Every structure is written in structure tokens, then in C-alpha cells.
């Protein structure tokens, strides 16, 4: 579920991100057979191969921007990547994705 709406989830508040992480932790505990107060962090990353919600959202968004730069996605998404000129000499360019 989370993989399909990362671009929308990027703009939600930290409160809702924490709630989503809590729900995913409960599901991971059920799958792994862990008790309520058992540490689930290593199980999520190592056994279930999942990133925490915040990192998952950022990873998917960065992947989308990378595909945008390589023109590996449909043109209607490429049009949403806007090149922003740099004001300093050390920064060549920045890309902003507004979905």
C-alpha cells in the first residue's frame, strides 16, 4: 500500500507518518509472531525487508526523480520535474518534483 502513494505521503504531517508507522509495526508483529512490547525494528529491516515509513517515502521519491532525469517515465511525469537555476557557482542545478 505504501509503495503506491509515496508521492502523496511525502507531504503529510509527522503525526500521520507516525500513525502509519505504528500500523505497519503492528502488522509486522503479527507476521513475525512478536509480542506487543518486543523490539520490531530489526525484524522489519532484516526479515521483512522494509524501510521505516519516512525512509521508504524518501527513497521512492528519489527513485522517481532519478527516473525523471533519465526520461524513464511517462512524459506527463517528466513535465512535473522543474529545473531550478542555481544562485551559487558550486551548485549546478536542483530539481523540484511537485506532484
C-alpha atoms as a PDB file:
ATOM      1  CA  UNK A   1       0.000   0.000   0.000  1.00  0.00           C
ATOM      2  CA  UNK A   2       2.675   2.488   0.985  1.00  0.00           C
ATOM      3  CA  UNK A   3       4.660   1.990  -2.243  1.00  0.00           C
ATOM      4  CA  UNK A   4       1.804   3.188  -4.423  1.00  0.00           C
ATOM      5  CA  UNK A   5       1.230   6.561  -2.768  1.00  0.00           C
ATOM      6  CA  UNK A   6       4.653   7.731  -1.580  1.00  0.00           C
ATOM      7  CA  UNK A   7       4.421  10.966  -3.530  1.00  0.00           C
ATOM      8  CA  UNK A   8       1.214  11.840  -1.715  1.00  0.00           C
ATOM      9  CA  UNK A   9       2.559  10.665   1.641  1.00  0.00           C
ATOM     10  CA  UNK A  10       5.601  12.935   1.293  1.00  0.00           C
ATOM     11  CA  UNK A  11       3.526  15.976   2.203  1.00  0.00           C
ATOM     12  CA  UNK A  12       1.626  14.549   5.194  1.00  0.00           C
ATOM     13  CA  UNK A  13       2.427  15.701   8.701  1.00  0.00           C
ATOM     14  CA  UNK A  14       4.775  13.861  11.045  1.00  0.00           C
ATOM     15  CA  UNK A  15       1.788  12.882  13.210  1.00  0.00           C
ATOM     16  CA  UNK A  16       0.196  10.915  10.371  1.00  0.00           C
ATOM     17  CA  UNK A  17       3.538   9.398   9.404  1.00  0.00           C
ATOM     18  CA  UNK A  18       3.950   8.134  12.959  1.00  0.00           C
ATOM     19  CA  UNK A  19       0.434   6.696  12.912  1.00  0.00           C
ATOM     20  CA  UNK A  20       1.153   4.903   9.641  1.00  0.00           C
ATOM     21  CA  UNK A  21       4.420   3.552  11.067  1.00  0.00           C
ATOM     22  CA  UNK A  22       2.528   2.294  14.127  1.00  0.00           C
ATOM     23  CA  UNK A  23       0.043   0.430  11.947  1.00  0.00           C
ATOM     24  CA  UNK A  24       2.849  -1.130   9.904  1.00  0.00           C
ATOM     25  CA  UNK A  25       4.642  -2.117  13.127  1.00  0.00           C
ATOM     26  CA  UNK A  26       1.513  -3.916  14.368  1.00  0.00           C
ATOM     27  CA  UNK A  27       1.238  -5.797  11.074  1.00  0.00           C
ATOM     28  CA  UNK A  28       4.947  -6.698  11.238  1.00  0.00           C
ATOM     29  CA  UNK A  29       4.493  -8.002  14.795  1.00  0.00           C
ATOM     30  CA  UNK A  30       1.595 -10.179  13.632  1.00  0.00           C
ATOM     31  CA  UNK A  31       3.589 -11.548  10.697  1.00  0.00           C
ATOM     32  CA  UNK A  32       6.717 -12.171  12.793  1.00  0.00           C
ATOM     33  CA  UNK A  33       4.827 -13.545  15.793  1.00  0.00           C
ATOM     34  CA  UNK A  34       6.259 -10.905  18.147  1.00  0.00           C
ATOM     35  CA  UNK A  35       4.591  -9.649  21.315  1.00  0.00           C
ATOM     36  CA  UNK A  36       3.325  -6.101  21.799  1.00  0.00           C
ATOM     37  CA  UNK A  37       6.439  -4.739  23.509  1.00  0.00           C
ATOM     38  CA  UNK A  38       9.084  -6.698  21.590  1.00  0.00           C
ATOM     39  CA  UNK A  39      11.505  -4.622  19.533  1.00  0.00           C
ATOM     40  CA  UNK A  40      10.382  -4.814  15.919  1.00  0.00           C
ATOM     41  CA  UNK A  41      12.940  -2.526  14.222  1.00  0.00           C
ATOM     42  CA  UNK A  42      15.432  -5.241  13.246  1.00  0.00           C
ATOM     43  CA  UNK A  43      12.641  -7.593  12.201  1.00  0.00           C
ATOM     44  CA  UNK A  44      11.172  -5.010   9.836  1.00  0.00           C
ATOM     45  CA  UNK A  45      14.504  -4.221   8.187  1.00  0.00           C
ATOM     46  CA  UNK A  46      16.196  -7.627   8.176  1.00  0.00           C
ATOM     47  CA  UNK A  47      13.415 -10.203   7.937  1.00  0.00           C
ATOM     48  CA  UNK A  48      10.634  -8.321   6.176  1.00  0.00           C
ATOM     49  CA  UNK A  49      12.992  -6.178   4.047  1.00  0.00           C
ATOM     50  CA  UNK A  50      11.097  -2.959   4.756  1.00  0.00           C
ATOM     51  CA  UNK A  51      12.390   0.543   5.429  1.00  0.00           C
ATOM     52  CA  UNK A  52      10.765   2.756   8.045  1.00  0.00           C
ATOM     53  CA  UNK A  53       7.953   4.868   6.560  1.00  0.00           C
ATOM     54  CA  UNK A  54       9.913   8.120   6.315  1.00  0.00           C
ATOM     55  CA  UNK A  55      12.888   6.493   4.574  1.00  0.00           C
ATOM     56  CA  UNK A  56      10.600   4.479   2.288  1.00  0.00           C
ATOM     57  CA  UNK A  57       8.826   7.644   1.137  1.00  0.00           C
ATOM     58  CA  UNK A  58      12.107   9.476   0.523  1.00  0.00           C
ATOM     59  CA  UNK A  59      13.635   6.501  -1.302  1.00  0.00           C
ATOM     60  CA  UNK A  60      10.672   6.139  -3.647  1.00  0.00           C
ATOM     61  CA  UNK A  61      10.568   9.885  -4.297  1.00  0.00           C
ATOM     62  CA  UNK A  62      14.297   9.975  -5.086  1.00  0.00           C
ATOM     63  CA  UNK A  63      13.842   6.993  -7.404  1.00  0.00           C
ATOM     64  CA  UNK A  64      11.058   8.826  -9.212  1.00  0.00           C
ATOM     65  CA  UNK A  65      13.187  11.962  -9.627  1.00  0.00           C
ATOM     66  CA  UNK A  66      16.087   9.830 -10.912  1.00  0.00           C
ATOM     67  CA  UNK A  67      13.786   8.243 -13.488  1.00  0.00           C
ATOM     68  CA  UNK A  68      12.569  11.725 -14.395  1.00  0.00           C
ATOM     69  CA  UNK A  69      16.116  12.866 -15.081  1.00  0.00           C
ATOM     70  CA  UNK A  70      16.807   9.798 -17.237  1.00  0.00           C
ATOM     71  CA  UNK A  71      13.452  10.119 -19.032  1.00  0.00           C
ATOM     72  CA  UNK A  72      12.493   6.579 -17.960  1.00  0.00           C
ATOM     73  CA  UNK A  73       8.917   7.511 -17.069  1.00  0.00           C
ATOM     74  CA  UNK A  74       5.912   8.901 -18.987  1.00  0.00           C
ATOM     75  CA  UNK A  75       6.199  12.461 -20.247  1.00  0.00           C
ATOM     76  CA  UNK A  76       3.376  13.772 -18.045  1.00  0.00           C
ATOM     77  CA  UNK A  77       5.537  12.964 -15.008  1.00  0.00           C
ATOM     78  CA  UNK A  78       8.694  14.356 -16.608  1.00  0.00           C
ATOM     79  CA  UNK A  79       6.835  17.652 -17.136  1.00  0.00           C
ATOM     80  CA  UNK A  80       6.350  17.880 -13.355  1.00  0.00           C
ATOM     81  CA  UNK A  81      10.119  17.959 -12.768  1.00  0.00           C
ATOM     82  CA  UNK A  82      11.049  21.615 -12.836  1.00  0.00           C
ATOM     83  CA  UNK A  83      14.675  22.664 -13.183  1.00  0.00           C
ATOM     84  CA  UNK A  84      15.606  25.404 -10.754  1.00  0.00           C
ATOM     85  CA  UNK A  85      18.633  27.579 -11.609  1.00  0.00           C
ATOM     86  CA  UNK A  86      21.376  27.734  -9.060  1.00  0.00           C
ATOM     87  CA  UNK A  87      22.388  31.011  -7.482  1.00  0.00           C
ATOM     88  CA  UNK A  88      25.796  29.773  -6.337  1.00  0.00           C
ATOM     89  CA  UNK A  89      28.639  28.584  -8.520  1.00  0.00           C
ATOM     90  CA  UNK A  90      29.101  25.300  -6.629  1.00  0.00           C
ATOM     91  CA  UNK A  91      25.542  24.148  -7.272  1.00  0.00           C
ATOM     92  CA  UNK A  92      24.914  23.216 -10.893  1.00  0.00           C
ATOM     93  CA  UNK A  93      21.143  22.712 -10.693  1.00  0.00           C
ATOM     94  CA  UNK A  94      18.387  21.427  -8.477  1.00  0.00           C
ATOM     95  CA  UNK A  95      15.256  19.541  -9.394  1.00  0.00           C
ATOM     96  CA  UNK A  96      11.931  20.021  -7.666  1.00  0.00           C
ATOM     97  CA  UNK A  97       9.168  17.473  -8.058  1.00  0.00           C
ATOM     98  CA  UNK A  98       5.669  18.769  -7.434  1.00  0.00           C
ATOM     99  CA  UNK A  99       3.078  16.047  -7.529  1.00  0.00           C
END
